PDB file of N, CA and C in Angstrom:
ATOM      1  N   MET A   1       6.141 -11.810   7.446  1.00  0.00           N
ATOM      2  CA  MET A   1       6.403 -10.358   7.583  1.00  0.00           C
ATOM      3  C   MET A   1       5.023 -10.189   8.372  1.00  0.00           C
ATOM      4  N   SER A   2       5.400  -9.847   9.807  1.00  0.00           N
ATOM      5  CA  SER A   2       4.262  -9.909  10.472  1.00  0.00           C
ATOM      6  C   SER A   2       4.112  -8.758  11.416  1.00  0.00           C
ATOM      7  N   ALA A   3       5.502  -8.514  12.050  1.00  0.00           N
ATOM      8  CA  ALA A   3       5.722  -7.235  12.254  1.00  0.00           C
ATOM      9  C   ALA A   3       6.221  -5.917  11.470  1.00  0.00           C
ATOM     10  N   ALA A   4       5.599  -4.292  11.985  1.00  0.00           N
ATOM     11  CA  ALA A   4       6.192  -3.180  10.530  1.00  0.00           C
ATOM     12  C   ALA A   4       7.439  -3.138  10.810  1.00  0.00           C
ATOM     13  N   PRO A   5       8.310  -2.975   9.565  1.00  0.00           N
ATOM     14  CA  PRO A   5       9.551  -3.053  10.046  1.00  0.00           C
ATOM     15  C   PRO A   5       9.842  -1.701  10.604  1.00  0.00           C
ATOM     16  N   ALA A   6      10.837  -1.331  10.531  1.00  0.00           N
ATOM     17  CA  ALA A   6      11.624  -0.548  11.382  1.00  0.00           C
ATOM     18  C   ALA A   6      12.269   1.187  10.290  1.00  0.00           C
ATOM     19  N   ILE A   7      11.255   1.871  10.468  1.00  0.00           N
ATOM     20  CA  ILE A   7      11.332   3.043   9.181  1.00  0.00           C
ATOM     21  C   ILE A   7      12.148   4.437  10.252  1.00  0.00           C
ATOM     22  N   ASP A   8      12.733   5.184   9.814  1.00  0.00           N
ATOM     23  CA  ASP A   8      12.944   6.485  10.117  1.00  0.00           C
ATOM     24  C   ASP A   8      12.066   6.534  10.502  1.00  0.00           C
ATOM     25  N   GLY A   9      11.948   8.267  12.017  1.00  0.00           N
ATOM     26  CA  GLY A   9      10.369   8.993  11.426  1.00  0.00           C
ATOM     27  C   GLY A   9      10.031  10.018  11.046  1.00  0.00           C
ATOM     28  N   SER A  10       9.432   9.217   9.822  1.00  0.00           N
ATOM     29  CA  SER A  10       9.232  10.131   8.044  1.00  0.00           C
ATOM     30  C   SER A  10       7.255  10.169   8.374  1.00  0.00           C
ATOM     31  N   LEU A  11       6.935  10.824   7.712  1.00  0.00           N
ATOM     32  CA  LEU A  11       5.624   9.902   7.092  1.00  0.00           C
ATOM     33  C   LEU A  11       5.504   9.350   6.622  1.00  0.00           C
ATOM     34  N   ALA A  12       6.491   8.527   5.983  1.00  0.00           N
ATOM     35  CA  ALA A  12       6.505   7.408   5.278  1.00  0.00           C
ATOM     36  C   ALA A  12       5.717   5.833   7.319  1.00  0.00           C
ATOM     37  N   SER A  13       7.031   6.026   7.819  1.00  0.00           N
ATOM     38  CA  SER A  13       6.505   4.914   9.058  1.00  0.00           C
ATOM     39  C   SER A  13       5.305   5.092   9.465  1.00  0.00           C
ATOM     40  N   ALA A  14       4.960   6.065   9.552  1.00  0.00           N
ATOM     41  CA  ALA A  14       4.008   6.636  10.025  1.00  0.00           C
ATOM     42  C   ALA A  14       2.582   5.713   9.175  1.00  0.00           C
ATOM     43  N   VAL A  15       2.390   6.230   7.930  1.00  0.00           N
ATOM     44  CA  VAL A  15       1.499   5.515   6.946  1.00  0.00           C
ATOM     45  C   VAL A  15       2.149   3.717   6.239  1.00  0.00           C
ATOM     46  N   VAL A  16       3.227   3.291   6.736  1.00  0.00           N
ATOM     47  CA  VAL A  16       3.671   1.998   7.350  1.00  0.00           C
ATOM     48  C   VAL A  16       2.943   1.049   8.770  1.00  0.00           C
ATOM     49  N   ALA A  17       3.455   2.014   9.780  1.00  0.00           N
ATOM     50  CA  ALA A  17       2.526   1.327  11.091  1.00  0.00           C
ATOM     51  C   ALA A  17       0.785   1.597  11.305  1.00  0.00           C
ATOM     52  N   GLU A  18       0.862   2.344  10.164  1.00  0.00           N
ATOM     53  CA  GLU A  18      -0.936   2.564   9.648  1.00  0.00           C
ATOM     54  C   GLU A  18      -1.242   1.471   9.050  1.00  0.00           C
ATOM     55  N   ALA A  19      -0.848   0.856   8.242  1.00  0.00           N
ATOM     56  CA  ALA A  19      -1.128  -0.311   6.978  1.00  0.00           C
ATOM     57  C   ALA A  19      -0.799  -1.241   7.778  1.00  0.00           C
ATOM     58  N   PHE A  20       0.014  -2.216   8.943  1.00  0.00           N
ATOM     59  CA  PHE A  20       0.193  -2.701   9.412  1.00  0.00           C
ATOM     60  C   PHE A  20      -1.218  -2.986  10.460  1.00  0.00           C
ATOM     61  N   LYS A  21      -2.058  -2.503  10.892  1.00  0.00           N
ATOM     62  CA  LYS A  21      -3.235  -2.513  11.798  1.00  0.00           C
ATOM     63  C   LYS A  21      -4.476  -3.024  11.572  1.00  0.00           C
ATOM     64  N   TYR A  22      -4.204  -3.564  10.348  1.00  0.00           N
ATOM     65  CA  TYR A  22      -5.301  -4.050   9.760  1.00  0.00           C
ATOM     66  C   TYR A  22      -5.129  -5.786   8.605  1.00  0.00           C
ATOM     67  N   ILE A  23      -3.547  -5.726   9.301  1.00  0.00           N
ATOM     68  CA  ILE A  23      -2.811  -7.250   8.721  1.00  0.00           C
ATOM     69  C   ILE A  23      -4.580  -8.658   9.384  1.00  0.00           C
ATOM     70  N   GLY A  24      -5.141  -8.389   8.077  1.00  0.00           N
ATOM     71  CA  GLY A  24      -5.883 -10.206   8.855  1.00  0.00           C
ATOM     72  C   GLY A  24      -6.890  -9.447   8.113  1.00  0.00           C
ATOM     73  N   THR A  25      -7.492  -8.232   7.590  1.00  0.00           N
ATOM     74  CA  THR A  25      -9.201  -7.964   7.114  1.00  0.00           C
ATOM     75  C   THR A  25      -9.296  -8.335   6.198  1.00  0.00           C
ATOM     76  N   PRO A  26     -10.865  -8.904   6.233  1.00  0.00           N
ATOM     77  CA  PRO A  26     -11.176  -9.253   4.699  1.00  0.00           C
ATOM     78  C   PRO A  26     -11.137  -8.656   3.928  1.00  0.00           C
ATOM     79  N   TYR A  27     -10.987  -8.827   2.533  1.00  0.00           N
ATOM     80  CA  TYR A  27     -10.853  -8.765   1.520  1.00  0.00           C
ATOM     81  C   TYR A  27     -12.598  -8.518   0.805  1.00  0.00           C
ATOM     82  N   VAL A  28     -12.545  -7.508   0.563  1.00  0.00           N
ATOM     83  CA  VAL A  28     -13.998  -7.071   0.325  1.00  0.00           C
ATOM     84  C   VAL A  28     -13.796  -5.619  -0.935  1.00  0.00           C
ATOM     85  N   SER A  29     -15.015  -6.454  -2.308  1.00  0.00           N
ATOM     86  CA  SER A  29     -14.860  -5.350  -3.402  1.00  0.00           C
ATOM     87  C   SER A  29     -15.379  -4.642  -3.448  1.00  0.00           C
ATOM     88  N   GLY A  30     -14.305  -3.347  -3.200  1.00  0.00           N
ATOM     89  CA  GLY A  30     -15.203  -2.136  -3.283  1.00  0.00           C
ATOM     90  C   GLY A  30     -14.846  -1.537  -1.687  1.00  0.00           C
ATOM     91  N   GLY A  31     -14.678  -2.276  -0.906  1.00  0.00           N
ATOM     92  CA  GLY A  31     -14.279  -1.704  -0.204  1.00  0.00           C
ATOM     93  C   GLY A  31     -12.857  -0.972   0.855  1.00  0.00           C
ATOM     94  N   ALA A  32     -13.998   0.162   1.798  1.00  0.00           N
ATOM     95  CA  ALA A  32     -13.080   0.274   2.261  1.00  0.00           C
ATOM     96  C   ALA A  32     -12.834   1.177   3.500  1.00  0.00           C
ATOM     97  N   SER A  33     -12.909   0.614   4.138  1.00  0.00           N
ATOM     98  CA  SER A  33     -12.976   0.642   5.652  1.00  0.00           C
ATOM     99  C   SER A  33     -12.694  -0.261   6.620  1.00  0.00           C
ATOM    100  N   PRO A  34     -12.114  -0.502   7.731  1.00  0.00           N
ATOM    101  CA  PRO A  34     -11.541  -1.394   8.333  1.00  0.00           C
ATOM    102  C   PRO A  34     -12.534  -2.834   8.746  1.00  0.00           C
ATOM    103  N   SER A  35     -13.853  -2.569   8.350  1.00  0.00           N
ATOM    104  CA  SER A  35     -14.227  -3.944   8.256  1.00  0.00           C
ATOM    105  C   SER A  35     -14.243  -4.487   6.523  1.00  0.00           C
ATOM    106  N   GLY A  36     -13.613  -4.114   5.806  1.00  0.00           N
ATOM    107  CA  GLY A  36     -13.252  -5.013   5.137  1.00  0.00           C
ATOM    108  C   GLY A  36     -11.967  -4.018   3.787  1.00  0.00           C
ATOM    109  N   PHE A  37     -11.726  -3.933   3.093  1.00  0.00           N
ATOM    110  CA  PHE A  37     -10.718  -3.193   1.821  1.00  0.00           C
ATOM    111  C   PHE A  37     -10.518  -4.126   0.671  1.00  0.00           C
ATOM    112  N   ASP A  38     -11.307  -2.784  -0.698  1.00  0.00           N
ATOM    113  CA  ASP A  38     -10.334  -3.978  -1.727  1.00  0.00           C
ATOM    114  C   ASP A  38      -8.913  -2.825  -1.618  1.00  0.00           C
ATOM    115  N   CYS A  39      -7.992  -3.222  -2.753  1.00  0.00           N
ATOM    116  CA  CYS A  39      -6.578  -2.482  -2.585  1.00  0.00           C
ATOM    117  C   CYS A  39      -6.314  -1.189  -2.857  1.00  0.00           C
ATOM    118  N   SER A  40      -7.094  -0.313  -3.297  1.00  0.00           N
ATOM    119  CA  SER A  40      -7.054   0.789  -3.090  1.00  0.00           C
ATOM    120  C   SER A  40      -7.939   1.665  -2.636  1.00  0.00           C
ATOM    121  N   GLY A  41      -8.779   1.154  -1.952  1.00  0.00           N
ATOM    122  CA  GLY A  41      -9.519   1.170  -0.591  1.00  0.00           C
ATOM    123  C   GLY A  41      -8.971   1.783   0.352  1.00  0.00           C
ATOM    124  N   PHE A  42      -7.747   0.330   0.738  1.00  0.00           N
ATOM    125  CA  PHE A  42      -7.273   0.265   1.392  1.00  0.00           C
ATOM    126  C   PHE A  42      -6.082   1.225   1.779  1.00  0.00           C
ATOM    127  N   LEU A  43      -5.086   1.831   0.994  1.00  0.00           N
ATOM    128  CA  LEU A  43      -4.329   2.394   0.708  1.00  0.00           C
ATOM    129  C   LEU A  43      -5.608   3.769   0.587  1.00  0.00           C
ATOM    130  N   GLN A  44      -6.321   4.843   0.257  1.00  0.00           N
ATOM    131  CA  GLN A  44      -6.921   5.709   0.324  1.00  0.00           C
ATOM    132  C   GLN A  44      -7.320   5.758   1.911  1.00  0.00           C
ATOM    133  N   TYR A  45      -7.328   4.830   2.686  1.00  0.00           N
ATOM    134  CA  TYR A  45      -7.641   4.683   3.892  1.00  0.00           C
ATOM    135  C   TYR A  45      -7.159   5.131   4.804  1.00  0.00           C
ATOM    136  N   VAL A  46      -5.794   3.900   4.627  1.00  0.00           N
ATOM    137  CA  VAL A  46      -4.371   4.086   5.357  1.00  0.00           C
ATOM    138  C   VAL A  46      -3.860   5.420   5.073  1.00  0.00           C
ATOM    139  N   PHE A  47      -3.339   6.360   3.752  1.00  0.00           N
ATOM    140  CA  PHE A  47      -3.273   7.048   3.908  1.00  0.00           C
ATOM    141  C   PHE A  47      -3.874   8.489   4.394  1.00  0.00           C
ATOM    142  N   ALA A  48      -5.078   8.541   4.710  1.00  0.00           N
ATOM    143  CA  ALA A  48      -6.263   9.269   5.008  1.00  0.00           C
ATOM    144  C   ALA A  48      -5.835   9.725   6.751  1.00  0.00           C
ATOM    145  N   GLN A  49      -5.657   7.966   6.959  1.00  0.00           N
ATOM    146  CA  GLN A  49      -5.216   8.552   8.523  1.00  0.00           C
ATOM    147  C   GLN A  49      -4.256   8.899   9.251  1.00  0.00           C
ATOM    148  N   VAL A  50      -3.791   9.444   8.274  1.00  0.00           N
ATOM    149  CA  VAL A  50      -2.415  10.034   8.275  1.00  0.00           C
ATOM    150  C   VAL A  50      -1.687  11.845   8.450  1.00  0.00           C
ATOM    151  N   GLY A  51      -3.769  12.230   7.366  1.00  0.00           N
ATOM    152  CA  GLY A  51      -3.445  13.476   6.900  1.00  0.00           C
ATOM    153  C   GLY A  51      -3.168  13.576   5.069  1.00  0.00           C
ATOM    154  N   VAL A  52      -2.629  12.166   4.551  1.00  0.00           N
ATOM    155  CA  VAL A  52      -2.996  12.602   3.285  1.00  0.00           C
ATOM    156  C   VAL A  52      -4.271  12.110   2.056  1.00  0.00           C
ATOM    157  N   SER A  53      -4.313  12.647   1.561  1.00  0.00           N
ATOM    158  CA  SER A  53      -5.619  12.311   0.586  1.00  0.00           C
ATOM    159  C   SER A  53      -5.643  11.786  -0.786  1.00  0.00           C
ATOM    160  N   LEU A  54      -5.668  10.565  -0.796  1.00  0.00           N
ATOM    161  CA  LEU A  54      -5.429   9.530  -2.085  1.00  0.00           C
ATOM    162  C   LEU A  54      -6.839   9.722  -2.627  1.00  0.00           C
ATOM    163  N   PRO A  55      -6.740   9.366  -4.863  1.00  0.00           N
ATOM    164  CA  PRO A  55      -7.685   9.319  -4.984  1.00  0.00           C
ATOM    165  C   PRO A  55      -8.040   7.450  -4.503  1.00  0.00           C
ATOM    166  N   ARG A  56      -9.786   7.732  -5.586  1.00  0.00           N
ATOM    167  CA  ARG A  56     -10.102   6.334  -4.972  1.00  0.00           C
ATOM    168  C   ARG A  56      -9.335   4.986  -5.686  1.00  0.00           C
ATOM    169  N   THR A  57      -9.588   5.255  -7.363  1.00  0.00           N
ATOM    170  CA  THR A  57      -9.011   3.750  -7.292  1.00  0.00           C
ATOM    171  C   THR A  57      -7.820   3.658  -7.964  1.00  0.00           C
ATOM    172  N   SER A  58      -7.511   2.430  -8.125  1.00  0.00           N
ATOM    173  CA  SER A  58      -5.421   2.013  -7.974  1.00  0.00           C
ATOM    174  C   SER A  58      -4.744   3.141  -9.584  1.00  0.00           C
ATOM    175  N   SER A  59      -5.484   2.986 -10.499  1.00  0.00           N
ATOM    176  CA  SER A  59      -5.171   3.722 -11.621  1.00  0.00           C
ATOM    177  C   SER A  59      -5.098   5.736 -11.496  1.00  0.00           C
ATOM    178  N   ALA A  60      -6.392   5.529 -10.929  1.00  0.00           N
ATOM    179  CA  ALA A  60      -5.890   7.266  -9.976  1.00  0.00           C
ATOM    180  C   ALA A  60      -4.695   7.525  -9.296  1.00  0.00           C
ATOM    181  N   GLN A  61      -4.630   6.281  -8.127  1.00  0.00           N
ATOM    182  CA  GLN A  61      -3.595   6.571  -6.737  1.00  0.00           C
ATOM    183  C   GLN A  61      -2.125   6.528  -7.598  1.00  0.00           C
ATOM    184  N   ALA A  62      -1.784   5.700  -8.720  1.00  0.00           N
ATOM    185  CA  ALA A  62      -0.833   5.826  -9.667  1.00  0.00           C
ATOM    186  C   ALA A  62      -0.506   6.920  -9.820  1.00  0.00           C
ATOM    187  N   ALA A  63      -1.608   7.728 -10.542  1.00  0.00           N
ATOM    188  CA  ALA A  63      -1.051   8.862 -11.144  1.00  0.00           C
ATOM    189  C   ALA A  63      -1.258   9.816 -10.442  1.00  0.00           C
ATOM    190  N   ALA A  64      -1.419   9.952  -9.171  1.00  0.00           N
ATOM    191  CA  ALA A  64      -1.183  10.693  -7.827  1.00  0.00           C
ATOM    192  C   ALA A  64       0.153  11.097  -7.789  1.00  0.00           C
ATOM    193  N   GLY A  65       1.294  10.430  -7.971  1.00  0.00           N
ATOM    194  CA  GLY A  65       2.324  10.679  -7.253  1.00  0.00           C
ATOM    195  C   GLY A  65       3.286  10.173  -8.893  1.00  0.00           C
ATOM    196  N   TYR A  66       5.012  10.649  -8.603  1.00  0.00           N
ATOM    197  CA  TYR A  66       5.832  10.197  -9.486  1.00  0.00           C
ATOM    198  C   TYR A  66       6.438   8.936  -9.450  1.00  0.00           C
ATOM    199  N   ARG A  67       6.711   8.775 -10.404  1.00  0.00           N
ATOM    200  CA  ARG A  67       7.705   7.089 -10.287  1.00  0.00           C
ATOM    201  C   ARG A  67       8.414   7.623 -10.179  1.00  0.00           C
ATOM    202  N   VAL A  68       9.504   6.318  -9.402  1.00  0.00           N
ATOM    203  CA  VAL A  68      11.207   6.147  -9.329  1.00  0.00           C
ATOM    204  C   VAL A  68      11.294   4.680  -9.971  1.00  0.00           C
ATOM    205  N   SER A  69      12.552   4.680  -9.706  1.00  0.00           N
ATOM    206  CA  SER A  69      12.991   3.260 -10.088  1.00  0.00           C
ATOM    207  C   SER A  69      13.240   2.285  -9.056  1.00  0.00           C
ATOM    208  N   ALA A  70      13.259   1.182  -9.560  1.00  0.00           N
ATOM    209  CA  ALA A  70      13.064  -0.041  -8.429  1.00  0.00           C
ATOM    210  C   ALA A  70      14.405   0.142  -6.847  1.00  0.00           C
ATOM    211  N   SER A  71      15.395   0.701  -8.186  1.00  0.00           N
ATOM    212  CA  SER A  71      16.397   0.932  -6.300  1.00  0.00           C
ATOM    213  C   SER A  71      16.317   2.216  -5.448  1.00  0.00           C
ATOM    214  N   GLU A  72      15.603   3.028  -5.818  1.00  0.00           N
ATOM    215  CA  GLU A  72      15.081   4.208  -5.493  1.00  0.00           C
ATOM    216  C   GLU A  72      14.049   3.728  -4.144  1.00  0.00           C
ATOM    217  N   ALA A  73      13.188   3.175  -4.627  1.00  0.00           N
ATOM    218  CA  ALA A  73      11.923   3.000  -4.167  1.00  0.00           C
ATOM    219  C   ALA A  73      12.459   2.488  -2.692  1.00  0.00           C
ATOM    220  N   ARG A  74      10.906   3.377  -1.698  1.00  0.00           N
ATOM    221  CA  ARG A  74      11.674   3.156  -0.154  1.00  0.00           C
ATOM    222  C   ARG A  74       9.632   2.897   0.099  1.00  0.00           C
ATOM    223  N   ALA A  75      10.357   2.016   1.203  1.00  0.00           N
ATOM    224  CA  ALA A  75       8.679   2.352   2.420  1.00  0.00           C
ATOM    225  C   ALA A  75       7.858   3.237   2.453  1.00  0.00           C
ATOM    226  N   GLY A  76       6.690   3.453   2.449  1.00  0.00           N
ATOM    227  CA  GLY A  76       5.637   4.070   2.066  1.00  0.00           C
ATOM    228  C   GLY A  76       5.029   4.825   1.063  1.00  0.00           C
ATOM    229  N   ASP A  77       6.191   4.201  -0.569  1.00  0.00           N
ATOM    230  CA  ASP A  77       5.907   4.420  -2.009  1.00  0.00           C
ATOM    231  C   ASP A  77       4.726   3.446  -2.084  1.00  0.00           C
ATOM    232  N   LEU A  78       4.611   3.408  -2.986  1.00  0.00           N
ATOM    233  CA  LEU A  78       3.035   2.999  -3.878  1.00  0.00           C
ATOM    234  C   LEU A  78       3.898   2.066  -4.543  1.00  0.00           C
ATOM    235  N   ILE A  79       3.161   0.486  -4.666  1.00  0.00           N
ATOM    236  CA  ILE A  79       3.150  -0.336  -5.634  1.00  0.00           C
ATOM    237  C   ILE A  79       2.359  -1.381  -6.659  1.00  0.00           C
ATOM    238  N   TYR A  80       2.547  -0.833  -7.813  1.00  0.00           N
ATOM    239  CA  TYR A  80       1.171  -0.889  -8.473  1.00  0.00           C
ATOM    240  C   TYR A  80       1.999  -1.395  -9.963  1.00  0.00           C
ATOM    241  N   GLN A  81       0.772  -2.320 -10.868  1.00  0.00           N
ATOM    242  CA  GLN A  81       0.645  -2.360 -12.074  1.00  0.00           C
ATOM    243  C   GLN A  81      -0.896  -2.762 -12.293  1.00  0.00           C
ATOM    244  N   PRO A  82      -1.565  -2.775 -13.448  1.00  0.00           N
ATOM    245  CA  PRO A  82      -2.517  -2.494 -13.846  1.00  0.00           C
ATOM    246  C   PRO A  82      -3.633  -3.362 -12.866  1.00  0.00           C
ATOM    247  N   GLY A  83      -4.397  -3.235 -12.468  1.00  0.00           N
ATOM    248  CA  GLY A  83      -4.798  -4.014 -11.552  1.00  0.00           C
ATOM    249  C   GLY A  83      -5.035  -3.870 -10.005  1.00  0.00           C
ATOM    250  N   HIS A  84      -4.190  -3.202  -9.638  1.00  0.00           N
ATOM    251  CA  HIS A  84      -3.119  -4.194  -8.044  1.00  0.00           C
ATOM    252  C   HIS A  84      -2.617  -3.170  -7.678  1.00  0.00           C
ATOM    253  N   ILE A  85      -2.665  -2.101  -6.764  1.00  0.00           N
ATOM    254  CA  ILE A  85      -1.994  -2.138  -5.919  1.00  0.00           C
ATOM    255  C   ILE A  85      -1.281  -1.634  -3.883  1.00  0.00           C
ATOM    256  N   GLY A  86      -0.552  -1.564  -4.066  1.00  0.00           N
ATOM    257  CA  GLY A  86       0.031  -1.849  -2.102  1.00  0.00           C
ATOM    258  C   GLY A  86       0.886  -0.844  -1.700  1.00  0.00           C
ATOM    259  N   ILE A  87       1.392  -0.921  -0.680  1.00  0.00           N
ATOM    260  CA  ILE A  87       2.369  -0.407   0.156  1.00  0.00           C
ATOM    261  C   ILE A  87       3.500  -0.965   0.012  1.00  0.00           C
ATOM    262  N   TYR A  88       4.491  -0.462  -0.481  1.00  0.00           N
ATOM    263  CA  TYR A  88       5.960  -0.991  -0.768  1.00  0.00           C
ATOM    264  C   TYR A  88       6.437  -0.886   1.127  1.00  0.00           C
ATOM    265  N   LEU A  89       7.030  -1.903   1.244  1.00  0.00           N
ATOM    266  CA  LEU A  89       7.550  -1.700   2.766  1.00  0.00           C
ATOM    267  C   LEU A  89       9.028  -1.932   2.763  1.00  0.00           C
ATOM    268  N   GLY A  90       9.881  -1.903   1.040  1.00  0.00           N
ATOM    269  CA  GLY A  90      11.134  -1.779   1.099  1.00  0.00           C
ATOM    270  C   GLY A  90      11.557  -3.785   1.163  1.00  0.00           C
ATOM    271  N   ASP A  91      13.211  -3.244   1.088  1.00  0.00           N
ATOM    272  CA  ASP A  91      13.645  -5.397   0.681  1.00  0.00           C
ATOM    273  C   ASP A  91      12.840  -6.260  -0.382  1.00  0.00           C
ATOM    274  N   GLY A  92      11.977  -5.579  -1.156  1.00  0.00           N
ATOM    275  CA  GLY A  92      11.342  -7.028  -1.906  1.00  0.00           C
ATOM    276  C   GLY A  92       9.764  -7.366  -1.897  1.00  0.00           C
ATOM    277  N   GLN A  93       9.436  -5.974  -0.275  1.00  0.00           N
ATOM    278  CA  GLN A  93       8.341  -6.775   0.986  1.00  0.00           C
ATOM    279  C   GLN A  93       7.699  -5.750   0.060  1.00  0.00           C
ATOM    280  N   HIS A  94       5.579  -5.802   0.139  1.00  0.00           N
ATOM    281  CA  HIS A  94       4.321  -5.021   0.177  1.00  0.00           C
ATOM    282  C   HIS A  94       3.034  -5.903   1.221  1.00  0.00           C
ATOM    283  N   ILE A  95       2.892  -4.209   1.532  1.00  0.00           N
ATOM    284  CA  ILE A  95       1.114  -5.065   2.258  1.00  0.00           C
ATOM    285  C   ILE A  95       0.352  -4.056   1.174  1.00  0.00           C
ATOM    286  N   ALA A  96      -0.868  -5.356   1.302  1.00  0.00           N
ATOM    287  CA  ALA A  96      -1.823  -4.760  -0.057  1.00  0.00           C
ATOM    288  C   ALA A  96      -3.169  -6.106   0.353  1.00  0.00           C
ATOM    289  N   ALA A  97      -4.035  -5.792   0.467  1.00  0.00           N
ATOM    290  CA  ALA A  97      -5.273  -6.213   0.298  1.00  0.00           C
ATOM    291  C   ALA A  97      -4.784  -6.385  -1.032  1.00  0.00           C
ATOM    292  N   ARG A  98      -5.016  -8.261  -1.366  1.00  0.00           N
ATOM    293  CA  ARG A  98      -5.247  -8.554  -2.747  1.00  0.00           C
ATOM    294  C   ARG A  98      -6.171  -9.579  -3.257  1.00  0.00           C
ATOM    295  N   SER A  99      -7.072 -10.177  -2.979  1.00  0.00           N
ATOM    296  CA  SER A  99      -7.971 -10.970  -3.776  1.00  0.00           C
ATOM    297  C   SER A  99      -8.842 -11.389  -3.023  1.00  0.00           C
ATOM    298  N   PRO A 100     -10.526 -10.923  -3.207  1.00  0.00           N
ATOM    299  CA  PRO A 100     -11.365 -12.235  -2.441  1.00  0.00           C
ATOM    300  C   PRO A 100     -11.178 -13.826  -2.126  1.00  0.00           C
ATOM    301  N   GLY A 101     -11.447 -13.884  -0.696  1.00  0.00           N
ATOM    302  CA  GLY A 101     -10.537 -14.992  -0.246  1.00  0.00           C
ATOM    303  C   GLY A 101      -9.390 -14.584   1.022  1.00  0.00           C
ATOM    304  N   THR A 102      -8.703 -13.647   0.388  1.00  0.00           N
ATOM    305  CA  THR A 102      -6.859 -13.362   0.823  1.00  0.00           C
ATOM    306  C   THR A 102      -7.706 -12.545   2.473  1.00  0.00           C
ATOM    307  N   PRO A 103      -6.838 -12.764   2.828  1.00  0.00           N
ATOM    308  CA  PRO A 103      -7.202 -11.043   4.172  1.00  0.00           C
ATOM    309  C   PRO A 103      -5.836 -10.886   3.885  1.00  0.00           C
ATOM    310  N   LEU A 104      -6.010  -9.741   4.293  1.00  0.00           N
ATOM    311  CA  LEU A 104      -5.115  -8.071   3.291  1.00  0.00           C
ATOM    312  C   LEU A 104      -3.777  -8.792   4.057  1.00  0.00           C
ATOM    313  N   LYS A 105      -2.485  -8.398   3.998  1.00  0.00           N
ATOM    314  CA  LYS A 105      -1.064  -9.310   4.418  1.00  0.00           C
ATOM    315  C   LYS A 105      -0.057  -8.564   3.827  1.00  0.00           C
ATOM    316  N   ALA A 106       1.106  -8.708   4.337  1.00  0.00           N
ATOM    317  CA  ALA A 106       2.374  -8.035   4.300  1.00  0.00           C
ATOM    318  C   ALA A 106       2.969  -9.543   3.622  1.00  0.00           C
ATOM    319  N   GLY A 107       3.961  -9.008   2.793  1.00  0.00           N
ATOM    320  CA  GLY A 107       4.964 -10.278   2.064  1.00  0.00           C
ATOM    321  C   GLY A 107       5.396  -9.706   1.191  1.00  0.00           C
ATOM    322  N   PRO A 108       6.233 -10.951   0.581  1.00  0.00           N
ATOM    323  CA  PRO A 108       6.921 -10.553  -1.407  1.00  0.00           C
ATOM    324  C   PRO A 108       6.001  -9.778  -2.345  1.00  0.00           C
ATOM    325  N   VAL A 109       6.654  -8.895  -2.682  1.00  0.00           N
ATOM    326  CA  VAL A 109       6.220  -8.873  -3.802  1.00  0.00           C
ATOM    327  C   VAL A 109       5.991  -9.524  -4.571  1.00  0.00           C
ATOM    328  N   TYR A 110       5.118  -9.759  -5.929  1.00  0.00           N
ATOM    329  CA  TYR A 110       4.642 -11.242  -6.021  1.00  0.00           C
ATOM    330  C   TYR A 110       4.491 -10.350  -8.115  1.00  0.00           C
ATOM    331  N   MET A 111       4.162  -8.938  -8.299  1.00  0.00           N
ATOM    332  CA  MET A 111       4.352  -8.154  -9.129  1.00  0.00           C
ATOM    333  C   MET A 111       5.285  -8.710 -10.454  1.00  0.00           C
ATOM    334  N   THR A 112       4.789  -8.617 -12.030  1.00  0.00           N
ATOM    335  CA  THR A 112       6.044  -9.396 -12.820  1.00  0.00           C
ATOM    336  C   THR A 112       6.691  -7.738 -13.288  1.00  0.00           C
ATOM    337  N   SER A 113       6.203  -6.950 -13.183  1.00  0.00           N
ATOM    338  CA  SER A 113       6.883  -5.299 -13.963  1.00  0.00           C
ATOM    339  C   SER A 113       6.270  -4.260 -12.898  1.00  0.00           C
ATOM    340  N   PRO A 114       6.209  -4.210 -11.997  1.00  0.00           N
ATOM    341  CA  PRO A 114       5.166  -3.255 -10.770  1.00  0.00           C
ATOM    342  C   PRO A 114       6.090  -1.662 -11.066  1.00  0.00           C
ATOM    343  N   GLN A 115       5.536  -1.487 -11.061  1.00  0.00           N
ATOM    344  CA  GLN A 115       5.633   0.164 -11.198  1.00  0.00           C
ATOM    345  C   GLN A 115       5.469   1.125  -9.630  1.00  0.00           C
ATOM    346  N   TYR A 116       7.061   1.360  -9.037  1.00  0.00           N
ATOM    347  CA  TYR A 116       6.719   2.721  -7.779  1.00  0.00           C
ATOM    348  C   TYR A 116       6.614   3.897  -8.155  1.00  0.00           C
ATOM    349  N   ILE A 117       6.078   4.079  -6.968  1.00  0.00           N
ATOM    350  CA  ILE A 117       4.922   5.734  -7.041  1.00  0.00           C
ATOM    351  C   ILE A 117       5.507   5.947  -5.834  1.00  0.00           C
ATOM    352  N   ARG A 118       5.929   7.409  -5.765  1.00  0.00           N
ATOM    353  CA  ARG A 118       6.373   8.348  -5.003  1.00  0.00           C
ATOM    354  C   ARG A 118       5.249   9.231  -4.786  1.00  0.00           C
ATOM    355  N   VAL A 119       4.568   9.152  -3.051  1.00  0.00           N
ATOM    356  CA  VAL A 119       3.153  10.307  -3.482  1.00  0.00           C
ATOM    357  C   VAL A 119       3.562  11.044  -1.873  1.00  0.00           C
ATOM    358  N   LEU A 120       4.741  10.438  -0.823  1.00  0.00           N
ATOM    359  CA  LEU A 120       5.455  10.825   0.004  1.00  0.00           C
ATOM    360  C   LEU A 120       6.429  11.729  -0.056  1.00  0.00           C
ATOM    361  N   GLY A 121       6.717  12.902   0.021  1.00  0.00           N
ATOM    362  CA  GLY A 121       7.943  13.923  -0.261  1.00  0.00           C
ATOM    363  C   GLY A 121       8.497  13.998  -1.770  1.00  0.00           C
TER     364      GLY A 121
END
């Protein structure tokens, strides 16, 4: 997936559009800036750019909203499993800083039992 998906004109669409600006950014452990991100640093930075404050760690970010089912999940929700967090894009896709040596990218959800967390609306 190389282009941001079309979403209604909401805050969620602003989050997704902002996230896609950083495709290819290197993974940096502890990183929270466009020079390099880890997973939670990426979310904290992207959401801040659209005026939404998130805590720094993935577990705290997951606790910042409320769980929704996979069938209720929509673009802009967080997708979480212990140790990793990203932004759900819909249609089984997400965008995240995944691991050292892998630049930030969008692609299929690979988590086995993800939790979907709504922090917007």
